[in-house]
């Protein structure tokens, strides 16, 4: 229904953002992790939204990045994961972390979300493993919210992919490996330099 909204933060709690757009206040459910990243009341913000329509309710769910919204859309296609379940999961994991947990088949990390048991976590991995890739994680991180972003260069992608794969081969969790590589990456770093810097970070 709405791709995104740009408006003024009128009220904010851990789970609900009231966004004033054109003198109308919209109640938007947000992941718990988002509340701390929003600007103060009275400031303007852009929120990517998903509209849930049921017989008894119409609800808006909001995210700070397009990547989080897309990950949410994929999540709620999983059997047994509804709009609230998807929101709970993205309250404890970022889109990147969830993507890496799926790729690493880390059901324990996914099951940390409220209401997500081990069987549901396994189902998420099973149904999403063919829909996400390591490349997605880097591309989404590089693009951010910039409308004109063209992503990373092929060489940069290759070095980052190889560094993350090497770290996971050494036994580090995929999500930790991705975070470490992203934290130390700089332009024109080769795989060896990137890997050494990431290892120091870990």
N, C-alpha and C. Protein backbone atom coordinates (compact mmCIF):
# COMPACT_ATOMS: atom_id res chain seq x y z
N UNK A 1 0.83 -1.19 0.00
CA UNK A 1 0.00 0.00 0.00
C UNK A 1 0.87 1.26 0.00
N UNK A 2 1.78 1.37 1.02
CA UNK A 2 2.72 2.48 1.08
C UNK A 2 4.14 1.91 0.97
N UNK A 3 4.95 2.46 0.06
CA UNK A 3 6.34 2.00 -0.04
C UNK A 3 7.17 2.58 1.10
N UNK A 4 6.96 3.86 1.37
CA UNK A 4 7.64 4.50 2.49
C UNK A 4 6.88 5.77 2.86
N UNK A 5 7.22 6.32 4.02
CA UNK A 5 6.62 7.57 4.48
C UNK A 5 7.73 8.48 4.98
N UNK A 6 7.59 9.75 4.70
CA UNK A 6 8.51 10.75 5.26
C UNK A 6 7.66 11.70 6.09
N UNK A 7 7.96 11.78 7.36
CA UNK A 7 7.15 12.62 8.23
C UNK A 7 7.87 12.96 9.51
N UNK A 8 7.15 13.57 10.43
CA UNK A 8 7.70 14.03 11.70
C UNK A 8 7.39 13.01 12.79
N UNK A 9 8.39 12.71 13.61
CA UNK A 9 8.18 11.81 14.75
C UNK A 9 7.30 12.55 15.76
N UNK A 10 6.08 12.05 15.93
CA UNK A 10 5.14 12.68 16.86
C UNK A 10 5.17 12.03 18.23
N UNK A 11 5.40 10.72 18.27
CA UNK A 11 5.48 9.99 19.53
C UNK A 11 6.24 8.71 19.27
N UNK A 12 6.85 8.17 20.30
CA UNK A 12 7.70 7.00 20.11
C UNK A 12 7.75 6.16 21.37
N UNK A 13 7.56 4.84 21.19
CA UNK A 13 7.78 3.89 22.27
C UNK A 13 8.67 2.79 21.70
N UNK A 14 8.91 1.77 22.50
CA UNK A 14 9.80 0.69 22.04
C UNK A 14 9.23 -0.05 20.84
N UNK A 15 7.90 -0.10 20.73
CA UNK A 15 7.28 -0.89 19.67
C UNK A 15 6.47 -0.08 18.68
N UNK A 16 6.11 1.15 19.04
CA UNK A 16 5.23 1.95 18.19
C UNK A 16 5.84 3.32 17.89
N UNK A 17 5.85 3.66 16.60
CA UNK A 17 6.22 5.00 16.16
C UNK A 17 4.96 5.68 15.65
N UNK A 18 4.67 6.87 16.16
CA UNK A 18 3.59 7.68 15.60
C UNK A 18 4.24 8.69 14.67
N UNK A 19 4.00 8.53 13.39
CA UNK A 19 4.60 9.38 12.37
C UNK A 19 3.55 10.31 11.80
N UNK A 20 3.78 11.60 11.93
CA UNK A 20 2.83 12.58 11.41
C UNK A 20 3.18 12.93 9.97
N UNK A 21 2.27 12.61 9.07
CA UNK A 21 2.45 12.89 7.65
C UNK A 21 1.23 13.65 7.16
N UNK A 22 1.40 14.87 6.73
CA UNK A 22 0.26 15.65 6.25
C UNK A 22 -0.84 15.82 7.27
N UNK A 23 -0.45 16.11 8.52
CA UNK A 23 -1.41 16.34 9.62
C UNK A 23 -2.19 15.08 10.01
N UNK A 24 -1.69 13.91 9.59
CA UNK A 24 -2.29 12.63 10.00
C UNK A 24 -1.22 11.84 10.76
N UNK A 25 -1.58 11.30 11.93
CA UNK A 25 -0.65 10.50 12.70
C UNK A 25 -0.84 9.02 12.42
N UNK A 26 0.19 8.38 11.90
CA UNK A 26 0.14 6.94 11.59
C UNK A 26 0.81 6.14 12.70
N UNK A 27 0.10 5.14 13.24
CA UNK A 27 0.69 4.20 14.19
C UNK A 27 1.45 3.15 13.39
N UNK A 28 2.77 3.10 13.57
CA UNK A 28 3.62 2.16 12.82
C UNK A 28 4.35 1.28 13.81
N UNK A 29 4.15 -0.03 13.69
CA UNK A 29 4.88 -0.98 14.55
C UNK A 29 6.30 -1.10 14.04
N UNK A 30 7.27 -1.02 14.95
CA UNK A 30 8.68 -1.06 14.56
C UNK A 30 9.42 -2.12 15.37
N UNK A 31 10.53 -2.65 14.83
CA UNK A 31 11.36 -3.56 15.63
C UNK A 31 11.91 -2.82 16.84
N UNK A 32 12.09 -3.53 17.94
CA UNK A 32 12.60 -2.91 19.15
C UNK A 32 13.95 -2.23 18.95
N UNK A 33 14.75 -2.78 18.04
CA UNK A 33 16.09 -2.22 17.81
C UNK A 33 16.04 -0.87 17.11
N UNK A 34 14.94 -0.56 16.45
CA UNK A 34 14.84 0.67 15.66
C UNK A 34 14.58 1.89 16.53
N UNK A 35 13.88 1.72 17.63
CA UNK A 35 13.48 2.86 18.46
C UNK A 35 14.67 3.73 18.85
N UNK A 36 15.78 3.11 19.22
CA UNK A 36 16.96 3.86 19.64
C UNK A 36 17.69 4.55 18.51
N UNK A 37 17.36 4.19 17.28
CA UNK A 37 18.05 4.78 16.13
C UNK A 37 17.25 5.91 15.48
N UNK A 38 16.03 6.11 15.94
CA UNK A 38 15.18 7.14 15.36
C UNK A 38 15.55 8.52 15.92
N UNK A 39 15.31 9.57 15.14
CA UNK A 39 15.57 10.92 15.65
C UNK A 39 14.58 11.27 16.75
N UNK A 40 14.85 12.34 17.50
CA UNK A 40 13.94 12.72 18.59
C UNK A 40 12.59 13.20 18.08
N UNK A 41 11.62 13.24 19.00
CA UNK A 41 10.28 13.74 18.66
C UNK A 41 10.40 15.13 18.06
N UNK A 42 9.67 15.33 16.96
CA UNK A 42 9.69 16.61 16.28
C UNK A 42 10.57 16.63 15.05
N UNK A 43 11.49 15.65 14.95
CA UNK A 43 12.40 15.57 13.80
C UNK A 43 11.77 14.74 12.68
N UNK A 44 12.27 14.95 11.47
CA UNK A 44 11.74 14.23 10.30
C UNK A 44 12.51 12.94 10.07
N UNK A 45 11.82 11.92 9.57
CA UNK A 45 12.45 10.63 9.30
C UNK A 45 11.75 9.95 8.13
N UNK A 46 12.49 9.11 7.43
CA UNK A 46 11.92 8.31 6.34
C UNK A 46 11.80 6.87 6.83
N UNK A 47 10.60 6.31 6.71
CA UNK A 47 10.33 4.95 7.18
C UNK A 47 9.80 4.11 6.02
N UNK A 48 10.44 2.97 5.77
CA UNK A 48 9.96 2.02 4.77
C UNK A 48 8.88 1.16 5.42
N UNK A 49 7.76 1.00 4.75
CA UNK A 49 6.60 0.39 5.41
C UNK A 49 6.06 -0.84 4.68
N UNK A 50 5.48 -1.72 5.50
CA UNK A 50 4.74 -2.88 5.01
C UNK A 50 3.34 -2.80 5.61
N UNK A 51 2.31 -2.97 4.77
CA UNK A 51 0.93 -2.92 5.25
C UNK A 51 0.37 -4.33 5.38
N UNK A 52 -0.05 -4.68 6.59
CA UNK A 52 -0.66 -5.98 6.85
C UNK A 52 -2.17 -5.80 6.90
N UNK A 53 -2.88 -6.52 6.04
CA UNK A 53 -4.34 -6.41 5.99
C UNK A 53 -4.96 -7.75 6.38
N UNK A 54 -5.74 -7.73 7.46
CA UNK A 54 -6.47 -8.92 7.90
C UNK A 54 -7.93 -8.56 8.05
N UNK A 55 -8.75 -9.56 8.31
CA UNK A 55 -10.18 -9.31 8.47
C UNK A 55 -10.48 -8.37 9.64
N UNK A 56 -9.67 -8.49 10.69
CA UNK A 56 -9.95 -7.73 11.91
C UNK A 56 -9.02 -6.55 12.13
N UNK A 57 -8.03 -6.35 11.25
CA UNK A 57 -7.09 -5.26 11.50
C UNK A 57 -6.28 -4.91 10.25
N UNK A 58 -5.92 -3.63 10.15
CA UNK A 58 -4.96 -3.16 9.16
C UNK A 58 -3.82 -2.52 9.95
N UNK A 59 -2.61 -3.02 9.77
CA UNK A 59 -1.47 -2.52 10.53
C UNK A 59 -0.33 -2.13 9.62
N UNK A 60 0.43 -1.12 10.06
CA UNK A 60 1.64 -0.71 9.35
C UNK A 60 2.86 -1.16 10.15
N UNK A 61 3.84 -1.72 9.43
CA UNK A 61 5.11 -2.11 10.04
C UNK A 61 6.20 -1.29 9.37
N UNK A 62 7.11 -0.73 10.17
CA UNK A 62 8.08 0.19 9.61
C UNK A 62 9.52 -0.17 9.90
N UNK A 63 10.40 0.22 8.95
CA UNK A 63 11.83 -0.10 9.03
C UNK A 63 12.64 1.09 8.54
N UNK A 64 13.86 1.20 9.05
CA UNK A 64 14.70 2.33 8.68
C UNK A 64 15.39 2.15 7.33
N UNK A 65 15.57 0.90 6.91
CA UNK A 65 16.24 0.66 5.63
C UNK A 65 15.39 -0.21 4.72
N UNK A 66 15.62 -0.04 3.44
CA UNK A 66 14.91 -0.86 2.45
C UNK A 66 15.32 -2.33 2.59
N UNK A 67 16.57 -2.56 2.96
CA UNK A 67 17.06 -3.93 3.13
C UNK A 67 16.31 -4.64 4.25
N UNK A 68 16.09 -3.94 5.38
CA UNK A 68 15.34 -4.54 6.49
C UNK A 68 13.91 -4.88 6.04
N UNK A 69 13.31 -3.98 5.27
CA UNK A 69 11.95 -4.23 4.78
C UNK A 69 11.92 -5.45 3.87
N UNK A 70 12.89 -5.56 2.96
CA UNK A 70 12.92 -6.71 2.05
C UNK A 70 13.15 -8.01 2.80
N UNK A 71 14.02 -7.98 3.83
CA UNK A 71 14.24 -9.17 4.64
C UNK A 71 12.97 -9.55 5.38
N UNK A 72 12.25 -8.55 5.87
CA UNK A 72 10.97 -8.78 6.55
C UNK A 72 9.97 -9.43 5.61
N UNK A 73 9.89 -8.92 4.39
CA UNK A 73 8.98 -9.50 3.40
C UNK A 73 9.29 -10.98 3.15
N UNK A 74 10.58 -11.32 3.09
CA UNK A 74 10.97 -12.71 2.89
C UNK A 74 10.61 -13.55 4.12
N UNK A 75 10.83 -12.97 5.30
CA UNK A 75 10.55 -13.70 6.53
C UNK A 75 9.10 -14.12 6.64
N UNK A 76 8.19 -13.20 6.33
CA UNK A 76 6.77 -13.50 6.54
C UNK A 76 6.20 -14.43 5.47
N UNK A 77 7.02 -14.81 4.48
CA UNK A 77 6.58 -15.85 3.54
C UNK A 77 6.81 -17.24 4.13
N UNK A 78 7.60 -17.31 5.21
CA UNK A 78 7.89 -18.60 5.84
C UNK A 78 6.65 -19.08 6.59
N UNK A 79 6.30 -20.32 6.39
CA UNK A 79 5.14 -20.91 7.05
C UNK A 79 5.29 -20.80 8.58
N UNK A 80 4.29 -20.18 9.22
CA UNK A 80 4.33 -20.05 10.67
C UNK A 80 4.89 -18.73 11.17
N UNK A 81 5.40 -17.91 10.26
CA UNK A 81 5.93 -16.60 10.65
C UNK A 81 4.96 -15.52 10.16
N UNK A 82 4.28 -14.91 11.09
CA UNK A 82 3.35 -13.84 10.74
C UNK A 82 4.03 -12.48 10.85
N UNK A 83 3.29 -11.41 10.60
CA UNK A 83 3.86 -10.06 10.69
C UNK A 83 4.51 -9.76 12.03
N UNK A 84 3.88 -10.18 13.13
CA UNK A 84 4.45 -9.90 14.45
C UNK A 84 5.68 -10.77 14.71
N UNK A 85 5.66 -12.01 14.25
CA UNK A 85 6.81 -12.88 14.42
C UNK A 85 8.03 -12.37 13.65
N UNK A 86 7.79 -11.89 12.44
CA UNK A 86 8.87 -11.32 11.65
C UNK A 86 9.46 -10.10 12.32
N UNK A 87 8.59 -9.27 12.90
CA UNK A 87 9.04 -8.07 13.60
C UNK A 87 9.86 -8.43 14.83
N UNK A 88 9.42 -9.46 15.56
CA UNK A 88 10.16 -9.90 16.76
C UNK A 88 11.56 -10.35 16.39
N UNK A 89 11.67 -11.05 15.27
CA UNK A 89 12.98 -11.55 14.85
C UNK A 89 13.91 -10.40 14.47
N UNK A 90 13.38 -9.42 13.74
CA UNK A 90 14.21 -8.28 13.35
C UNK A 90 14.41 -7.29 14.50
N UNK A 91 13.81 -7.56 15.65
CA UNK A 91 14.07 -6.75 16.85
C UNK A 91 15.37 -7.20 17.51
N UNK A 92 15.75 -8.47 17.30
CA UNK A 92 16.96 -8.98 17.95
C UNK A 92 18.09 -9.23 16.97
N UNK A 93 17.80 -9.19 15.67
CA UNK A 93 18.82 -9.40 14.64
C UNK A 93 18.61 -8.39 13.51
N UNK A 94 19.71 -7.88 12.98
CA UNK A 94 19.60 -7.03 11.79
C UNK A 94 19.36 -7.92 10.58
N UNK A 95 19.01 -7.32 9.46
CA UNK A 95 18.82 -8.09 8.23
C UNK A 95 20.10 -8.84 7.87
N UNK A 96 21.26 -8.18 8.02
CA UNK A 96 22.54 -8.83 7.73
C UNK A 96 22.77 -10.04 8.63
N UNK A 97 22.51 -9.85 9.93
CA UNK A 97 22.74 -10.93 10.88
C UNK A 97 21.82 -12.12 10.60
N UNK A 98 20.58 -11.83 10.25
CA UNK A 98 19.65 -12.91 9.93
C UNK A 98 20.09 -13.64 8.66
N UNK A 99 20.51 -12.86 7.67
CA UNK A 99 20.97 -13.45 6.42
C UNK A 99 22.17 -14.38 6.66
N UNK A 100 23.11 -13.90 7.49
CA UNK A 100 24.29 -14.73 7.78
C UNK A 100 23.92 -15.95 8.62
N UNK A 101 22.97 -15.80 9.54
CA UNK A 101 22.54 -16.95 10.34
C UNK A 101 21.89 -18.01 9.47
N UNK A 102 21.12 -17.58 8.47
CA UNK A 102 20.50 -18.52 7.53
C UNK A 102 21.57 -19.24 6.73
N UNK A 103 22.55 -18.48 6.22
CA UNK A 103 23.61 -19.08 5.40
C UNK A 103 24.47 -20.04 6.22
N UNK A 104 24.69 -19.68 7.51
CA UNK A 104 25.50 -20.54 8.38
C UNK A 104 24.68 -21.64 9.03
N UNK A 105 23.35 -21.65 8.75
CA UNK A 105 22.43 -22.60 9.36
C UNK A 105 22.51 -22.57 10.88
N UNK A 106 22.58 -21.34 11.41
CA UNK A 106 22.70 -21.11 12.85
C UNK A 106 21.30 -20.95 13.46
N UNK A 107 20.65 -22.08 13.70
CA UNK A 107 19.29 -22.06 14.23
C UNK A 107 19.24 -21.48 15.64
N UNK A 108 20.30 -21.66 16.42
CA UNK A 108 20.31 -21.15 17.79
C UNK A 108 20.22 -19.63 17.81
N UNK A 109 20.93 -18.98 16.90
CA UNK A 109 20.90 -17.52 16.84
C UNK A 109 19.50 -17.02 16.49
N UNK A 110 18.85 -17.71 15.55
CA UNK A 110 17.51 -17.31 15.13
C UNK A 110 16.50 -17.58 16.23
N UNK A 111 16.69 -18.67 16.97
CA UNK A 111 15.75 -19.05 18.02
C UNK A 111 15.81 -18.14 19.25
N UNK A 112 16.76 -17.20 19.27
CA UNK A 112 16.82 -16.25 20.39
C UNK A 112 15.68 -15.24 20.35
N UNK A 113 15.04 -15.11 19.21
CA UNK A 113 13.94 -14.15 19.09
C UNK A 113 12.73 -14.66 19.87
N UNK A 114 12.00 -13.75 20.54
CA UNK A 114 10.81 -14.15 21.29
C UNK A 114 9.79 -14.85 20.40
N UNK A 115 9.29 -15.99 20.86
CA UNK A 115 8.26 -16.71 20.11
C UNK A 115 8.79 -17.57 18.97
N UNK A 116 10.11 -17.59 18.78
CA UNK A 116 10.71 -18.40 17.72
C UNK A 116 11.41 -19.59 18.36
N UNK A 117 10.83 -20.78 18.20
CA UNK A 117 11.43 -21.98 18.75
C UNK A 117 12.42 -22.59 17.77
N UNK A 118 13.04 -23.69 18.19
CA UNK A 118 14.07 -24.32 17.35
C UNK A 118 13.50 -24.86 16.04
N UNK A 119 12.28 -25.41 16.10
CA UNK A 119 11.68 -25.95 14.88
C UNK A 119 11.36 -24.84 13.89
N UNK A 120 10.86 -23.72 14.41
CA UNK A 120 10.56 -22.58 13.54
C UNK A 120 11.85 -22.01 12.95
N UNK A 121 12.91 -21.96 13.77
CA UNK A 121 14.20 -21.47 13.29
C UNK A 121 14.73 -22.34 12.14
N UNK A 122 14.58 -23.65 12.29
CA UNK A 122 15.02 -24.57 11.24
C UNK A 122 14.19 -24.36 9.97
N UNK A 123 12.90 -24.09 10.15
CA UNK A 123 12.03 -23.86 9.00
C UNK A 123 12.44 -22.58 8.26
N UNK A 124 12.80 -21.55 9.02
CA UNK A 124 13.26 -20.30 8.42
C UNK A 124 14.50 -20.55 7.56
N UNK A 125 15.44 -21.31 8.11
CA UNK A 125 16.67 -21.63 7.38
C UNK A 125 16.34 -22.41 6.12
N UNK A 126 15.48 -23.42 6.25
CA UNK A 126 15.13 -24.27 5.12
C UNK A 126 14.47 -23.47 3.99
N UNK A 127 13.57 -22.57 4.36
CA UNK A 127 12.79 -21.85 3.35
C UNK A 127 13.51 -20.62 2.78
N UNK A 128 14.50 -20.11 3.51
CA UNK A 128 15.18 -18.90 3.03
C UNK A 128 16.59 -19.14 2.48
N UNK A 129 17.15 -20.33 2.70
CA UNK A 129 18.55 -20.54 2.33
C UNK A 129 18.81 -20.35 0.84
N UNK A 130 17.80 -20.62 0.00
CA UNK A 130 17.98 -20.46 -1.44
C UNK A 130 17.60 -19.06 -1.91
N UNK A 131 17.13 -18.22 -0.97
CA UNK A 131 16.70 -16.87 -1.34
C UNK A 131 17.70 -15.79 -0.94
N UNK A 132 18.71 -16.17 -0.13
CA UNK A 132 19.70 -15.20 0.30
C UNK A 132 21.09 -15.70 -0.07
N UNK A 133 22.04 -14.78 -0.12
CA UNK A 133 23.42 -15.15 -0.43
C UNK A 133 24.36 -14.21 0.31
N UNK A 134 25.62 -14.60 0.42
CA UNK A 134 26.63 -13.77 1.04
C UNK A 134 26.75 -12.46 0.29
N UNK A 135 26.64 -12.55 -1.03
CA UNK A 135 26.72 -11.35 -1.86
C UNK A 135 25.62 -10.35 -1.50
N UNK A 136 24.43 -10.86 -1.17
CA UNK A 136 23.32 -9.99 -0.77
C UNK A 136 23.71 -9.14 0.44
N UNK A 137 24.39 -9.77 1.40
CA UNK A 137 24.76 -9.06 2.62
C UNK A 137 25.68 -7.89 2.31
N UNK A 138 26.67 -8.12 1.45
CA UNK A 138 27.59 -7.04 1.12
C UNK A 138 26.92 -5.97 0.27
N UNK A 139 26.11 -6.40 -0.68
CA UNK A 139 25.45 -5.44 -1.56
C UNK A 139 24.51 -4.54 -0.79
N UNK A 140 23.75 -5.13 0.12
CA UNK A 140 22.81 -4.34 0.91
C UNK A 140 23.55 -3.38 1.82
N UNK A 141 24.65 -3.84 2.40
CA UNK A 141 25.43 -2.98 3.28
C UNK A 141 26.04 -1.82 2.51
N UNK A 142 26.49 -2.08 1.30
CA UNK A 142 27.13 -1.04 0.49
C UNK A 142 26.11 -0.02 0.02
N UNK A 143 24.92 -0.50 -0.34
CA UNK A 143 23.92 0.40 -0.90
C UNK A 143 23.31 1.30 0.16
N UNK A 144 23.06 0.75 1.36
CA UNK A 144 22.42 1.52 2.42
C UNK A 144 21.10 2.08 1.93
N UNK A 145 20.85 3.32 2.28
CA UNK A 145 19.61 3.97 1.87
C UNK A 145 19.82 4.94 0.74
N UNK A 146 21.04 4.99 0.19
CA UNK A 146 21.33 5.96 -0.88
C UNK A 146 20.67 5.53 -2.17
N UNK A 147 19.79 6.36 -2.70
CA UNK A 147 19.06 6.00 -3.90
C UNK A 147 19.98 5.83 -5.08
N UNK A 148 21.13 6.54 -5.06
CA UNK A 148 22.02 6.47 -6.21
C UNK A 148 23.15 5.48 -6.04
N UNK A 149 23.13 4.71 -4.97
CA UNK A 149 24.24 3.79 -4.73
C UNK A 149 24.29 2.73 -5.80
N UNK A 150 25.51 2.46 -6.26
CA UNK A 150 25.70 1.45 -7.29
C UNK A 150 26.26 0.16 -6.73
N UNK A 151 26.41 0.10 -5.39
CA UNK A 151 26.95 -1.12 -4.78
C UNK A 151 28.47 -1.08 -4.76
N UNK A 152 29.10 -2.22 -4.51
CA UNK A 152 30.54 -2.33 -4.42
C UNK A 152 31.14 -2.77 -5.73
N UNK A 153 32.40 -2.49 -5.87
CA UNK A 153 33.08 -2.95 -7.08
C UNK A 153 33.24 -4.44 -7.01
N UNK A 154 33.41 -5.08 -8.15
CA UNK A 154 33.55 -6.52 -8.20
C UNK A 154 34.75 -7.00 -7.42
N UNK A 155 35.86 -6.24 -7.50
CA UNK A 155 37.07 -6.63 -6.79
C UNK A 155 36.86 -6.58 -5.29
N UNK A 156 36.20 -5.51 -4.82
CA UNK A 156 35.94 -5.38 -3.40
C UNK A 156 35.04 -6.49 -2.90
N UNK A 157 34.02 -6.82 -3.68
CA UNK A 157 33.12 -7.91 -3.31
C UNK A 157 33.89 -9.21 -3.15
N UNK A 158 34.77 -9.49 -4.09
CA UNK A 158 35.51 -10.74 -4.09
C UNK A 158 36.39 -10.86 -2.85
N UNK A 159 37.09 -9.78 -2.51
CA UNK A 159 37.96 -9.81 -1.34
C UNK A 159 37.15 -10.04 -0.07
N UNK A 160 36.03 -9.35 0.05
CA UNK A 160 35.20 -9.48 1.25
C UNK A 160 34.62 -10.88 1.35
N UNK A 161 34.12 -11.39 0.24
CA UNK A 161 33.57 -12.76 0.23
C UNK A 161 34.62 -13.76 0.67
N UNK A 162 35.82 -13.64 0.11
CA UNK A 162 36.88 -14.60 0.44
C UNK A 162 37.29 -14.49 1.90
N UNK A 163 37.35 -13.25 2.41
CA UNK A 163 37.73 -13.06 3.81
C UNK A 163 36.70 -13.67 4.75
N UNK A 164 35.41 -13.45 4.47
CA UNK A 164 34.35 -14.02 5.31
C UNK A 164 34.38 -15.55 5.23
N UNK A 165 34.54 -16.08 4.03
CA UNK A 165 34.58 -17.54 3.87
C UNK A 165 35.77 -18.14 4.61
N UNK A 166 36.91 -17.42 4.59
CA UNK A 166 38.09 -17.91 5.30
C UNK A 166 37.86 -17.91 6.80
N UNK A 167 37.25 -16.87 7.30
CA UNK A 167 36.97 -16.79 8.74
C UNK A 167 35.99 -17.87 9.20
N UNK A 168 34.96 -18.11 8.38
CA UNK A 168 34.01 -19.17 8.76
C UNK A 168 34.67 -20.55 8.69
N UNK A 169 35.61 -20.70 7.76
CA UNK A 169 36.35 -21.97 7.67
C UNK A 169 37.22 -22.17 8.91
N UNK A 170 37.64 -21.06 9.52
CA UNK A 170 38.44 -21.13 10.75
C UNK A 170 37.59 -21.40 11.98
N UNK A 171 36.26 -21.40 11.79
CA UNK A 171 35.37 -21.73 12.90
C UNK A 171 34.61 -20.56 13.49
N UNK A 172 34.82 -19.36 12.96
CA UNK A 172 34.07 -18.21 13.48
C UNK A 172 32.64 -18.24 12.94
N UNK A 173 31.66 -17.85 13.75
CA UNK A 173 30.28 -17.77 13.25
C UNK A 173 30.21 -16.80 12.06
N UNK A 174 29.39 -17.15 11.08
CA UNK A 174 29.32 -16.34 9.87
C UNK A 174 28.92 -14.91 10.16
N UNK A 175 27.99 -14.71 11.10
CA UNK A 175 27.54 -13.34 11.40
C UNK A 175 28.67 -12.52 12.01
N UNK A 176 29.49 -13.16 12.89
CA UNK A 176 30.64 -12.45 13.49
C UNK A 176 31.68 -12.13 12.43
N UNK A 177 31.89 -13.07 11.51
CA UNK A 177 32.87 -12.86 10.45
C UNK A 177 32.47 -11.68 9.57
N UNK A 178 31.20 -11.62 9.22
CA UNK A 178 30.72 -10.52 8.37
C UNK A 178 30.88 -9.19 9.09
N UNK A 179 30.52 -9.14 10.37
CA UNK A 179 30.64 -7.89 11.13
C UNK A 179 32.09 -7.42 11.20
N UNK A 180 33.00 -8.37 11.45
CA UNK A 180 34.42 -8.02 11.57
C UNK A 180 34.97 -7.48 10.25
N UNK A 181 34.63 -8.13 9.15
CA UNK A 181 35.11 -7.69 7.84
C UNK A 181 34.57 -6.31 7.51
N UNK A 182 33.28 -6.10 7.78
CA UNK A 182 32.68 -4.80 7.48
C UNK A 182 33.28 -3.69 8.35
N UNK A 183 33.69 -4.05 9.58
CA UNK A 183 34.22 -3.05 10.50
C UNK A 183 35.61 -2.56 10.10
N UNK A 184 36.38 -3.42 9.44
CA UNK A 184 37.78 -3.05 9.12
C UNK A 184 38.00 -2.74 7.65
N UNK A 185 37.01 -2.99 6.79
CA UNK A 185 37.22 -2.83 5.36
C UNK A 185 37.59 -1.40 4.99
N UNK A 186 38.51 -1.29 4.05
CA UNK A 186 38.90 -0.02 3.45
C UNK A 186 39.10 -0.24 1.96
N UNK A 187 39.08 0.85 1.23
CA UNK A 187 39.22 0.74 -0.22
C UNK A 187 40.55 0.08 -0.59
N UNK A 188 40.50 -0.76 -1.60
CA UNK A 188 41.69 -1.40 -2.18
C UNK A 188 42.42 -2.36 -1.25
N UNK A 189 41.76 -2.86 -0.21
CA UNK A 189 42.40 -3.86 0.65
C UNK A 189 42.33 -5.22 -0.04
N UNK A 190 43.47 -5.93 -0.07
CA UNK A 190 43.42 -7.27 -0.66
C UNK A 190 42.94 -8.26 0.40
N UNK A 191 42.74 -9.51 -0.01
CA UNK A 191 42.15 -10.50 0.89
C UNK A 191 43.00 -10.72 2.13
N UNK A 192 44.32 -10.83 1.95
CA UNK A 192 45.21 -11.12 3.08
C UNK A 192 45.18 -9.99 4.11
N UNK A 193 45.26 -8.74 3.63
CA UNK A 193 45.23 -7.59 4.54
C UNK A 193 43.90 -7.52 5.27
N UNK A 194 42.83 -7.73 4.53
CA UNK A 194 41.49 -7.68 5.10
C UNK A 194 41.30 -8.77 6.15
N UNK A 195 41.79 -9.96 5.83
CA UNK A 195 41.66 -11.10 6.74
C UNK A 195 42.43 -10.86 8.03
N UNK A 196 43.66 -10.34 7.93
CA UNK A 196 44.47 -10.08 9.13
C UNK A 196 43.80 -9.02 10.01
N UNK A 197 43.29 -7.98 9.38
CA UNK A 197 42.63 -6.92 10.14
C UNK A 197 41.37 -7.44 10.82
N UNK A 198 40.61 -8.28 10.12
CA UNK A 198 39.40 -8.84 10.69
C UNK A 198 39.70 -9.78 11.85
N UNK A 199 40.77 -10.54 11.73
CA UNK A 199 41.17 -11.45 12.81
C UNK A 199 41.55 -10.67 14.07
N UNK A 200 42.23 -9.53 13.88
CA UNK A 200 42.56 -8.70 15.04
C UNK A 200 41.29 -8.16 15.69
N UNK A 201 40.30 -7.84 14.86
CA UNK A 201 39.02 -7.34 15.37
C UNK A 201 38.30 -8.42 16.18
N UNK A 202 38.38 -9.65 15.68
CA UNK A 202 37.71 -10.76 16.36
C UNK A 202 38.43 -11.15 17.65
